[in-house]
Amino acid sequence: MIGVICKLKVQKERIDEFEQLIMQFKAEVDEHEPGNLEYNVFKEGHGEYYVLEKFRDREALKEHDSTKHKETISPKVGKLLDAKPEVRVLEPLSN
């Protein structure tokens, strides 16, 4: 299993647009990625979001990074951010 935590700082005037896109992305992940065991978006304050993901293995993470929805939606999300995403890829202590 592989964990991913991604911190996203969204431009305050673009929050509604961001939330719509990130939930569209979540729906695509849930429907088309059996190797993604969990995809959740959390909000902290106004404009800070965390995406928490759990993948079956590194191959599933690799597949996630090459999906059509990531290719099309991620650049749109990127234009709504105030800063570069902070991404951490984590290994479990045990499987």
PDB file of N, CA and C in Angstrom:
ATOM      1  N   MET A   1       0.838  -1.174   0.000  1.00  0.00           N
ATOM      2  CA  MET A   1       0.000   0.000   0.000  1.00  0.00           C
ATOM      3  C   MET A   1       0.889   1.246   0.000  1.00  0.00           C
ATOM      4  N   ILE A   2       0.405   2.300  -0.660  1.00  0.00           N
ATOM      5  CA  ILE A   2       1.105   3.579  -0.755  1.00  0.00           C
ATOM      6  C   ILE A   2       0.117   4.680  -0.361  1.00  0.00           C
ATOM      7  N   GLY A   3       0.563   5.624   0.452  1.00  0.00           N
ATOM      8  CA  GLY A   3      -0.257   6.768   0.821  1.00  0.00           C
ATOM      9  C   GLY A   3       0.264   8.024   0.150  1.00  0.00           C
ATOM     10  N   VAL A   4      -0.637   8.939  -0.171  1.00  0.00           N
ATOM     11  CA  VAL A   4      -0.255  10.228  -0.743  1.00  0.00           C
ATOM     12  C   VAL A   4      -1.038  11.310  -0.006  1.00  0.00           C
ATOM     13  N   ILE A   5      -0.322  12.356   0.394  1.00  0.00           N
ATOM     14  CA  ILE A   5      -0.952  13.542   0.971  1.00  0.00           C
ATOM     15  C   ILE A   5      -0.531  14.718   0.107  1.00  0.00           C
ATOM     16  N   CYS A   6      -1.507  15.472  -0.358  1.00  0.00           N
ATOM     17  CA  CYS A   6      -1.242  16.620  -1.217  1.00  0.00           C
ATOM     18  C   CYS A   6      -1.908  17.850  -0.612  1.00  0.00           C
ATOM     19  N   LYS A   7      -1.103  18.868  -0.311  1.00  0.00           N
ATOM     20  CA  LYS A   7      -1.628  20.126   0.227  1.00  0.00           C
ATOM     21  C   LYS A   7      -1.760  21.119  -0.920  1.00  0.00           C
ATOM     22  N   LEU A   8      -2.959  21.729  -1.030  1.00  0.00           N
ATOM     23  CA  LEU A   8      -3.241  22.662  -2.111  1.00  0.00           C
ATOM     24  C   LEU A   8      -3.710  23.991  -1.523  1.00  0.00           C
ATOM     25  N   LYS A   9      -3.064  25.077  -1.926  1.00  0.00           N
ATOM     26  CA  LYS A   9      -3.488  26.423  -1.519  1.00  0.00           C
ATOM     27  C   LYS A   9      -4.166  27.074  -2.714  1.00  0.00           C
ATOM     28  N   VAL A  10      -5.455  27.345  -2.555  1.00  0.00           N
ATOM     29  CA  VAL A  10      -6.285  27.825  -3.654  1.00  0.00           C
ATOM     30  C   VAL A  10      -6.451  29.344  -3.561  1.00  0.00           C
ATOM     31  N   GLN A  11      -6.432  29.990  -4.719  1.00  0.00           N
ATOM     32  CA  GLN A  11      -6.712  31.422  -4.779  1.00  0.00           C
ATOM     33  C   GLN A  11      -8.105  31.651  -4.190  1.00  0.00           C
ATOM     34  N   LYS A  12      -8.193  32.565  -3.264  1.00  0.00           N
ATOM     35  CA  LYS A  12      -9.450  32.767  -2.519  1.00  0.00           C
ATOM     36  C   LYS A  12     -10.643  33.066  -3.429  1.00  0.00           C
ATOM     37  N   GLU A  13     -10.416  33.793  -4.503  1.00  0.00           N
ATOM     38  CA  GLU A  13     -11.519  34.139  -5.404  1.00  0.00           C
ATOM     39  C   GLU A  13     -11.881  32.997  -6.355  1.00  0.00           C
ATOM     40  N   ARG A  14     -11.143  31.887  -6.294  1.00  0.00           N
ATOM     41  CA  ARG A  14     -11.389  30.756  -7.214  1.00  0.00           C
ATOM     42  C   ARG A  14     -11.836  29.484  -6.477  1.00  0.00           C
ATOM     43  N   ILE A  15     -12.181  29.609  -5.194  1.00  0.00           N
ATOM     44  CA  ILE A  15     -12.509  28.436  -4.373  1.00  0.00           C
ATOM     45  C   ILE A  15     -13.681  27.634  -4.939  1.00  0.00           C
ATOM     46  N   ASP A  16     -14.755  28.295  -5.343  1.00  0.00           N
ATOM     47  CA  ASP A  16     -15.914  27.560  -5.866  1.00  0.00           C
ATOM     48  C   ASP A  16     -15.547  26.753  -7.105  1.00  0.00           C
ATOM     49  N   GLU A  17     -14.797  27.363  -7.993  1.00  0.00           N
ATOM     50  CA  GLU A  17     -14.358  26.679  -9.215  1.00  0.00           C
ATOM     51  C   GLU A  17     -13.460  25.488  -8.868  1.00  0.00           C
ATOM     52  N   PHE A  18     -12.543  25.693  -7.909  1.00  0.00           N
ATOM     53  CA  PHE A  18     -11.657  24.615  -7.470  1.00  0.00           C
ATOM     54  C   PHE A  18     -12.463  23.446  -6.913  1.00  0.00           C
ATOM     55  N   GLU A  19     -13.405  23.742  -6.016  1.00  0.00           N
ATOM     56  CA  GLU A  19     -14.176  22.664  -5.383  1.00  0.00           C
ATOM     57  C   GLU A  19     -14.956  21.859  -6.414  1.00  0.00           C
ATOM     58  N   GLN A  20     -15.485  22.528  -7.409  1.00  0.00           N
ATOM     59  CA  GLN A  20     -16.211  21.819  -8.468  1.00  0.00           C
ATOM     60  C   GLN A  20     -15.262  20.895  -9.242  1.00  0.00           C
ATOM     61  N   LEU A  21     -14.093  21.402  -9.603  1.00  0.00           N
ATOM     62  CA  LEU A  21     -13.128  20.587 -10.366  1.00  0.00           C
ATOM     63  C   LEU A  21     -12.585  19.424  -9.551  1.00  0.00           C
ATOM     64  N   ILE A  22     -12.247  19.667  -8.287  1.00  0.00           N
ATOM     65  CA  ILE A  22     -11.637  18.599  -7.487  1.00  0.00           C
ATOM     66  C   ILE A  22     -12.652  17.484  -7.211  1.00  0.00           C
ATOM     67  N   MET A  23     -13.928  17.838  -7.088  1.00  0.00           N
ATOM     68  CA  MET A  23     -14.939  16.806  -6.886  1.00  0.00           C
ATOM     69  C   MET A  23     -15.223  16.053  -8.187  1.00  0.00           C
ATOM     70  N   GLN A  24     -15.095  16.725  -9.306  1.00  0.00           N
ATOM     71  CA  GLN A  24     -15.195  16.050 -10.610  1.00  0.00           C
ATOM     72  C   GLN A  24     -14.044  15.050 -10.737  1.00  0.00           C
ATOM     73  N   PHE A  25     -12.842  15.486 -10.334  1.00  0.00           N
ATOM     74  CA  PHE A  25     -11.681  14.612 -10.383  1.00  0.00           C
ATOM     75  C   PHE A  25     -11.882  13.401  -9.463  1.00  0.00           C
ATOM     76  N   LYS A  26     -12.378  13.638  -8.251  1.00  0.00           N
ATOM     77  CA  LYS A  26     -12.643  12.540  -7.311  1.00  0.00           C
ATOM     78  C   LYS A  26     -13.608  11.525  -7.922  1.00  0.00           C
ATOM     79  N   ALA A  27     -14.658  11.998  -8.580  1.00  0.00           N
ATOM     80  CA  ALA A  27     -15.627  11.097  -9.206  1.00  0.00           C
ATOM     81  C   ALA A  27     -14.958  10.239 -10.279  1.00  0.00           C
ATOM     82  N   GLU A  28     -14.068  10.842 -11.068  1.00  0.00           N
ATOM     83  CA  GLU A  28     -13.339  10.094 -12.106  1.00  0.00           C
ATOM     84  C   GLU A  28     -12.435   9.029 -11.470  1.00  0.00           C
ATOM     85  N   VAL A  29     -11.722   9.411 -10.416  1.00  0.00           N
ATOM     86  CA  VAL A  29     -10.851   8.457  -9.723  1.00  0.00           C
ATOM     87  C   VAL A  29     -11.678   7.299  -9.178  1.00  0.00           C
ATOM     88  N   ASP A  30     -12.761   7.633  -8.476  1.00  0.00           N
ATOM     89  CA  ASP A  30     -13.606   6.588  -7.879  1.00  0.00           C
ATOM     90  C   ASP A  30     -14.158   5.625  -8.929  1.00  0.00           C
ATOM     91  N   GLU A  31     -14.505   6.150 -10.099  1.00  0.00           N
ATOM     92  CA  GLU A  31     -15.118   5.317 -11.138  1.00  0.00           C
ATOM     93  C   GLU A  31     -14.108   4.512 -11.953  1.00  0.00           C
ATOM     94  N   HIS A  32     -12.923   5.088 -12.199  1.00  0.00           N
ATOM     95  CA  HIS A  32     -12.018   4.484 -13.184  1.00  0.00           C
ATOM     96  C   HIS A  32     -10.700   3.938 -12.628  1.00  0.00           C
ATOM     97  N   GLU A  33     -10.486   4.037 -11.326  1.00  0.00           N
ATOM     98  CA  GLU A  33      -9.198   3.591 -10.782  1.00  0.00           C
ATOM     99  C   GLU A  33      -9.384   2.571  -9.659  1.00  0.00           C
ATOM    100  N   PRO A  34      -9.476   1.296 -10.006  1.00  0.00           N
ATOM    101  CA  PRO A  34      -9.644   0.283  -8.965  1.00  0.00           C
ATOM    102  C   PRO A  34      -8.436   0.171  -8.024  1.00  0.00           C
ATOM    103  N   GLY A  35      -7.266   0.618  -8.470  1.00  0.00           N
ATOM    104  CA  GLY A  35      -6.068   0.568  -7.632  1.00  0.00           C
ATOM    105  C   GLY A  35      -5.982   1.713  -6.637  1.00  0.00           C
ATOM    106  N   ASN A  36      -6.870   2.708  -6.783  1.00  0.00           N
ATOM    107  CA  ASN A  36      -6.939   3.805  -5.821  1.00  0.00           C
ATOM    108  C   ASN A  36      -7.990   3.408  -4.793  1.00  0.00           C
ATOM    109  N   LEU A  37      -7.528   3.063  -3.601  1.00  0.00           N
ATOM    110  CA  LEU A  37      -8.412   2.530  -2.575  1.00  0.00           C
ATOM    111  C   LEU A  37      -9.163   3.619  -1.815  1.00  0.00           C
ATOM    112  N   GLU A  38      -8.612   4.834  -1.845  1.00  0.00           N
ATOM    113  CA  GLU A  38      -9.254   5.942  -1.137  1.00  0.00           C
ATOM    114  C   GLU A  38      -8.817   7.262  -1.747  1.00  0.00           C
ATOM    115  N   TYR A  39      -9.762   8.143  -1.963  1.00  0.00           N
ATOM    116  CA  TYR A  39      -9.480   9.497  -2.447  1.00  0.00           C
ATOM    117  C   TYR A  39     -10.436  10.431  -1.729  1.00  0.00           C
ATOM    118  N   ASN A  40      -9.914  11.239  -0.826  1.00  0.00           N
ATOM    119  CA  ASN A  40     -10.749  12.160  -0.065  1.00  0.00           C
ATOM    120  C   ASN A  40     -10.120  13.538  -0.062  1.00  0.00           C
ATOM    121  N   VAL A  41     -10.977  14.548  -0.056  1.00  0.00           N
ATOM    122  CA  VAL A  41     -10.534  15.936  -0.041  1.00  0.00           C
ATOM    123  C   VAL A  41     -11.021  16.570   1.255  1.00  0.00           C
ATOM    124  N   PHE A  42     -10.096  17.223   1.962  1.00  0.00           N
ATOM    125  CA  PHE A  42     -10.403  17.898   3.217  1.00  0.00           C
ATOM    126  C   PHE A  42     -10.035  19.366   3.108  1.00  0.00           C
ATOM    127  N   LYS A  43     -10.714  20.179   3.886  1.00  0.00           N
ATOM    128  CA  LYS A  43     -10.550  21.624   3.840  1.00  0.00           C
ATOM    129  C   LYS A  43     -10.095  22.122   5.211  1.00  0.00           C
ATOM    130  N   GLU A  44      -9.127  23.033   5.193  1.00  0.00           N
ATOM    131  CA  GLU A  44      -8.665  23.647   6.442  1.00  0.00           C
ATOM    132  C   GLU A  44      -8.721  25.158   6.243  1.00  0.00           C
ATOM    133  N   GLY A  45      -9.589  25.801   6.964  1.00  0.00           N
ATOM    134  CA  GLY A  45      -9.698  27.243   6.815  1.00  0.00           C
ATOM    135  C   GLY A  45     -10.259  27.614   5.452  1.00  0.00           C
ATOM    136  N   HIS A  46      -9.869  28.776   4.984  1.00  0.00           N
ATOM    137  CA  HIS A  46     -10.394  29.296   3.719  1.00  0.00           C
ATOM    138  C   HIS A  46      -9.299  29.237   2.657  1.00  0.00           C
ATOM    139  N   GLY A  47      -9.381  28.255   1.772  1.00  0.00           N
ATOM    140  CA  GLY A  47      -8.438  28.176   0.670  1.00  0.00           C
ATOM    141  C   GLY A  47      -7.347  27.130   0.802  1.00  0.00           C
ATOM    142  N   GLU A  48      -7.314  26.393   1.911  1.00  0.00           N
ATOM    143  CA  GLU A  48      -6.323  25.315   2.059  1.00  0.00           C
ATOM    144  C   GLU A  48      -7.038  23.975   2.048  1.00  0.00           C
ATOM    145  N   TYR A  49      -6.540  23.087   1.183  1.00  0.00           N
ATOM    146  CA  TYR A  49      -7.146  21.775   1.014  1.00  0.00           C
ATOM    147  C   TYR A  49      -6.071  20.695   1.094  1.00  0.00           C
ATOM    148  N   TYR A  50      -6.486  19.522   1.529  1.00  0.00           N
ATOM    149  CA  TYR A  50      -5.616  18.349   1.565  1.00  0.00           C
ATOM    150  C   TYR A  50      -6.313  17.214   0.836  1.00  0.00           C
ATOM    151  N   VAL A  51      -5.592  16.584  -0.072  1.00  0.00           N
ATOM    152  CA  VAL A  51      -6.089  15.387  -0.740  1.00  0.00           C
ATOM    153  C   VAL A  51      -5.347  14.212  -0.117  1.00  0.00           C
ATOM    154  N   LEU A  52      -6.101  13.269   0.417  1.00  0.00           N
ATOM    155  CA  LEU A  52      -5.529  12.063   1.009  1.00  0.00           C
ATOM    156  C   LEU A  52      -5.900  10.878   0.132  1.00  0.00           C
ATOM    157  N   GLU A  53      -4.875  10.159  -0.308  1.00  0.00           N
ATOM    158  CA  GLU A  53      -5.099   9.019  -1.200  1.00  0.00           C
ATOM    159  C   GLU A  53      -4.400   7.785  -0.668  1.00  0.00           C
ATOM    160  N   LYS A  54      -4.986   6.649  -0.971  1.00  0.00           N
ATOM    161  CA  LYS A  54      -4.376   5.368  -0.624  1.00  0.00           C
ATOM    162  C   LYS A  54      -4.440   4.492  -1.866  1.00  0.00           C
ATOM    163  N   PHE A  55      -3.275   3.997  -2.270  1.00  0.00           N
ATOM    164  CA  PHE A  55      -3.170   3.155  -3.466  1.00  0.00           C
ATOM    165  C   PHE A  55      -2.805   1.721  -3.086  1.00  0.00           C
ATOM    166  N   ARG A  56      -3.264   0.797  -3.895  1.00  0.00           N
ATOM    167  CA  ARG A  56      -2.973  -0.620  -3.692  1.00  0.00           C
ATOM    168  C   ARG A  56      -1.465  -0.863  -3.657  1.00  0.00           C
ATOM    169  N   ASP A  57      -0.736  -0.229  -4.596  1.00  0.00           N
ATOM    170  CA  ASP A  57       0.713  -0.405  -4.703  1.00  0.00           C
ATOM    171  C   ASP A  57       1.282   0.705  -5.586  1.00  0.00           C
ATOM    172  N   ARG A  58       2.580   0.680  -5.813  1.00  0.00           N
ATOM    173  CA  ARG A  58       3.226   1.717  -6.631  1.00  0.00           C
ATOM    174  C   ARG A  58       2.742   1.698  -8.084  1.00  0.00           C
ATOM    175  N   GLU A  59       2.409   0.524  -8.573  1.00  0.00           N
ATOM    176  CA  GLU A  59       1.889   0.421  -9.942  1.00  0.00           C
ATOM    177  C   GLU A  59       0.568   1.174 -10.074  1.00  0.00           C
ATOM    178  N   ALA A  60      -0.292   1.075  -9.075  1.00  0.00           N
ATOM    179  CA  ALA A  60      -1.569   1.801  -9.099  1.00  0.00           C
ATOM    180  C   ALA A  60      -1.328   3.308  -9.055  1.00  0.00           C
ATOM    181  N   LEU A  61      -0.336   3.744  -8.305  1.00  0.00           N
ATOM    182  CA  LEU A  61       0.017   5.169  -8.270  1.00  0.00           C
ATOM    183  C   LEU A  61       0.516   5.621  -9.636  1.00  0.00           C
ATOM    184  N   LYS A  62       1.331   4.797 -10.262  1.00  0.00           N
ATOM    185  CA  LYS A  62       1.831   5.100 -11.604  1.00  0.00           C
ATOM    186  C   LYS A  62       0.676   5.211 -12.603  1.00  0.00           C
ATOM    187  N   GLU A  63      -0.259   4.288 -12.520  1.00  0.00           N
ATOM    188  CA  GLU A  63      -1.435   4.321 -13.400  1.00  0.00           C
ATOM    189  C   GLU A  63      -2.244   5.597 -13.169  1.00  0.00           C
ATOM    190  N   HIS A  64      -2.394   5.984 -11.906  1.00  0.00           N
ATOM    191  CA  HIS A  64      -3.130   7.206 -11.559  1.00  0.00           C
ATOM    192  C   HIS A  64      -2.489   8.420 -12.233  1.00  0.00           C
ATOM    193  N   ASP A  65      -1.169   8.474 -12.199  1.00  0.00           N
ATOM    194  CA  ASP A  65      -0.451   9.620 -12.759  1.00  0.00           C
ATOM    195  C   ASP A  65      -0.541   9.707 -14.279  1.00  0.00           C
ATOM    196  N   SER A  66      -0.980   8.634 -14.925  1.00  0.00           N
ATOM    197  CA  SER A  66      -1.054   8.655 -16.392  1.00  0.00           C
ATOM    198  C   SER A  66      -2.483   8.560 -16.930  1.00  0.00           C
ATOM    199  N   THR A  67      -3.478   8.801 -16.079  1.00  0.00           N
ATOM    200  CA  THR A  67      -4.866   8.708 -16.532  1.00  0.00           C
ATOM    201  C   THR A  67      -5.269   9.930 -17.352  1.00  0.00           C
ATOM    202  N   LYS A  68      -6.280   9.755 -18.160  1.00  0.00           N
ATOM    203  CA  LYS A  68      -6.814  10.843 -18.985  1.00  0.00           C
ATOM    204  C   LYS A  68      -7.371  11.968 -18.113  1.00  0.00           C
ATOM    205  N   HIS A  69      -8.068  11.601 -17.041  1.00  0.00           N
ATOM    206  CA  HIS A  69      -8.649  12.645 -16.191  1.00  0.00           C
ATOM    207  C   HIS A  69      -7.570  13.453 -15.471  1.00  0.00           C
ATOM    208  N   LYS A  70      -6.470  12.821 -15.107  1.00  0.00           N
ATOM    209  CA  LYS A  70      -5.378  13.585 -14.487  1.00  0.00           C
ATOM    210  C   LYS A  70      -4.759  14.529 -15.522  1.00  0.00           C
ATOM    211  N   GLU A  71      -4.620  14.041 -16.726  1.00  0.00           N
ATOM    212  CA  GLU A  71      -4.043  14.833 -17.817  1.00  0.00           C
ATOM    213  C   GLU A  71      -4.910  16.053 -18.151  1.00  0.00           C
ATOM    214  N   THR A  72      -6.231  15.915 -18.051  1.00  0.00           N
ATOM    215  CA  THR A  72      -7.109  17.022 -18.443  1.00  0.00           C
ATOM    216  C   THR A  72      -7.518  17.929 -17.284  1.00  0.00           C
ATOM    217  N   ILE A  73      -7.757  17.364 -16.104  1.00  0.00           N
ATOM    218  CA  ILE A  73      -8.258  18.175 -14.990  1.00  0.00           C
ATOM    219  C   ILE A  73      -7.134  18.822 -14.178  1.00  0.00           C
ATOM    220  N   SER A  74      -6.025  18.126 -13.985  1.00  0.00           N
ATOM    221  CA  SER A  74      -4.936  18.680 -13.155  1.00  0.00           C
ATOM    222  C   SER A  74      -4.423  20.040 -13.634  1.00  0.00           C
ATOM    223  N   PRO A  75      -4.216  20.262 -14.936  1.00  0.00           N
ATOM    224  CA  PRO A  75      -3.772  21.595 -15.368  1.00  0.00           C
ATOM    225  C   PRO A  75      -4.792  22.688 -15.049  1.00  0.00           C
ATOM    226  N   LYS A  76      -6.075  22.363 -15.109  1.00  0.00           N
ATOM    227  CA  LYS A  76      -7.115  23.332 -14.771  1.00  0.00           C
ATOM    228  C   LYS A  76      -7.058  23.677 -13.282  1.00  0.00           C
ATOM    229  N   VAL A  77      -6.869  22.650 -12.457  1.00  0.00           N
ATOM    230  CA  VAL A  77      -6.744  22.868 -11.013  1.00  0.00           C
ATOM    231  C   VAL A  77      -5.503  23.706 -10.727  1.00  0.00           C
ATOM    232  N   GLY A  78      -4.403  23.401 -11.395  1.00  0.00           N
ATOM    233  CA  GLY A  78      -3.150  24.127 -11.185  1.00  0.00           C
ATOM    234  C   GLY A  78      -3.278  25.624 -11.397  1.00  0.00           C
ATOM    235  N   LYS A  79      -4.125  26.035 -12.323  1.00  0.00           N
ATOM    236  CA  LYS A  79      -4.326  27.461 -12.603  1.00  0.00           C
ATOM    237  C   LYS A  79      -5.088  28.175 -11.494  1.00  0.00           C
ATOM    238  N   LEU A  80      -5.682  27.412 -10.590  1.00  0.00           N
ATOM    239  CA  LEU A  80      -6.473  27.989  -9.501  1.00  0.00           C
ATOM    240  C   LEU A  80      -5.690  28.089  -8.195  1.00  0.00           C
ATOM    241  N   LEU A  81      -4.445  27.622  -8.208  1.00  0.00           N
ATOM    242  CA  LEU A  81      -3.652  27.567  -6.982  1.00  0.00           C
ATOM    243  C   LEU A  81      -2.823  28.826  -6.771  1.00  0.00           C
ATOM    244  N   ASP A  82      -2.567  29.128  -5.494  1.00  0.00           N
ATOM    245  CA  ASP A  82      -1.699  30.241  -5.097  1.00  0.00           C
ATOM    246  C   ASP A  82      -0.241  29.816  -5.010  1.00  0.00           C
ATOM    247  N   ALA A  83      -0.011  28.520  -4.868  1.00  0.00           N
ATOM    248  CA  ALA A  83       1.348  27.997  -4.690  1.00  0.00           C
ATOM    249  C   ALA A  83       1.417  26.602  -5.297  1.00  0.00           C
ATOM    250  N   LYS A  84       2.631  26.156  -5.513  1.00  0.00           N
ATOM    251  CA  LYS A  84       2.855  24.797  -6.018  1.00  0.00           C
ATOM    252  C   LYS A  84       2.337  23.781  -4.991  1.00  0.00           C
ATOM    253  N   PRO A  85       1.672  22.722  -5.451  1.00  0.00           N
ATOM    254  CA  PRO A  85       1.191  21.704  -4.508  1.00  0.00           C
ATOM    255  C   PRO A  85       2.345  21.081  -3.719  1.00  0.00           C
ATOM    256  N   GLU A  86       2.082  20.773  -2.466  1.00  0.00           N
ATOM    257  CA  GLU A  86       3.053  20.048  -1.633  1.00  0.00           C
ATOM    258  C   GLU A  86       2.592  18.595  -1.578  1.00  0.00           C
ATOM    259  N   VAL A  87       3.370  17.699  -2.173  1.00  0.00           N
ATOM    260  CA  VAL A  87       2.972  16.285  -2.284  1.00  0.00           C
ATOM    261  C   VAL A  87       3.952  15.421  -1.508  1.00  0.00           C
ATOM    262  N   ARG A  88       3.403  14.527  -0.716  1.00  0.00           N
ATOM    263  CA  ARG A  88       4.201  13.546   0.028  1.00  0.00           C
ATOM    264  C   ARG A  88       3.709  12.156  -0.339  1.00  0.00           C
ATOM    265  N   VAL A  89       4.630  11.288  -0.732  1.00  0.00           N
ATOM    266  CA  VAL A  89       4.315   9.889  -1.018  1.00  0.00           C
ATOM    267  C   VAL A  89       4.861   9.088   0.158  1.00  0.00           C
ATOM    268  N   LEU A  90       3.999   8.293   0.783  1.00  0.00           N
ATOM    269  CA  LEU A  90       4.320   7.631   2.052  1.00  0.00           C
ATOM    270  C   LEU A  90       4.225   6.119   1.951  1.00  0.00           C
ATOM    271  N   GLU A  91       5.132   5.463   2.630  1.00  0.00           N
ATOM    272  CA  GLU A  91       5.125   3.998   2.747  1.00  0.00           C
ATOM    273  C   GLU A  91       4.545   3.637   4.112  1.00  0.00           C
ATOM    274  N   PRO A  92       3.743   2.597   4.202  1.00  0.00           N
ATOM    275  CA  PRO A  92       3.207   2.177   5.510  1.00  0.00           C
ATOM    276  C   PRO A  92       4.294   1.503   6.354  1.00  0.00           C
ATOM    277  N   LEU A  93       4.108   1.531   7.648  1.00  0.00           N
ATOM    278  CA  LEU A  93       5.022   0.813   8.522  1.00  0.00           C
ATOM    279  C   LEU A  93       4.896  -0.691   8.316  1.00  0.00           C
ATOM    280  N   SER A  94       3.679  -1.121   8.018  1.00  0.00           N
ATOM    281  CA  SER A  94       3.457  -2.538   7.709  1.00  0.00           C
ATOM    282  C   SER A  94       2.315  -2.654   6.711  1.00  0.00           C
ATOM    283  N   ASN A  95       2.290  -3.741   5.976  1.00  0.00           N
ATOM    284  CA  ASN A  95       1.215  -3.985   5.017  1.00  0.00           C
ATOM    285  C   ASN A  95       0.174  -4.783   5.694  1.00  0.00           C
TER     286      ASN A  95
END
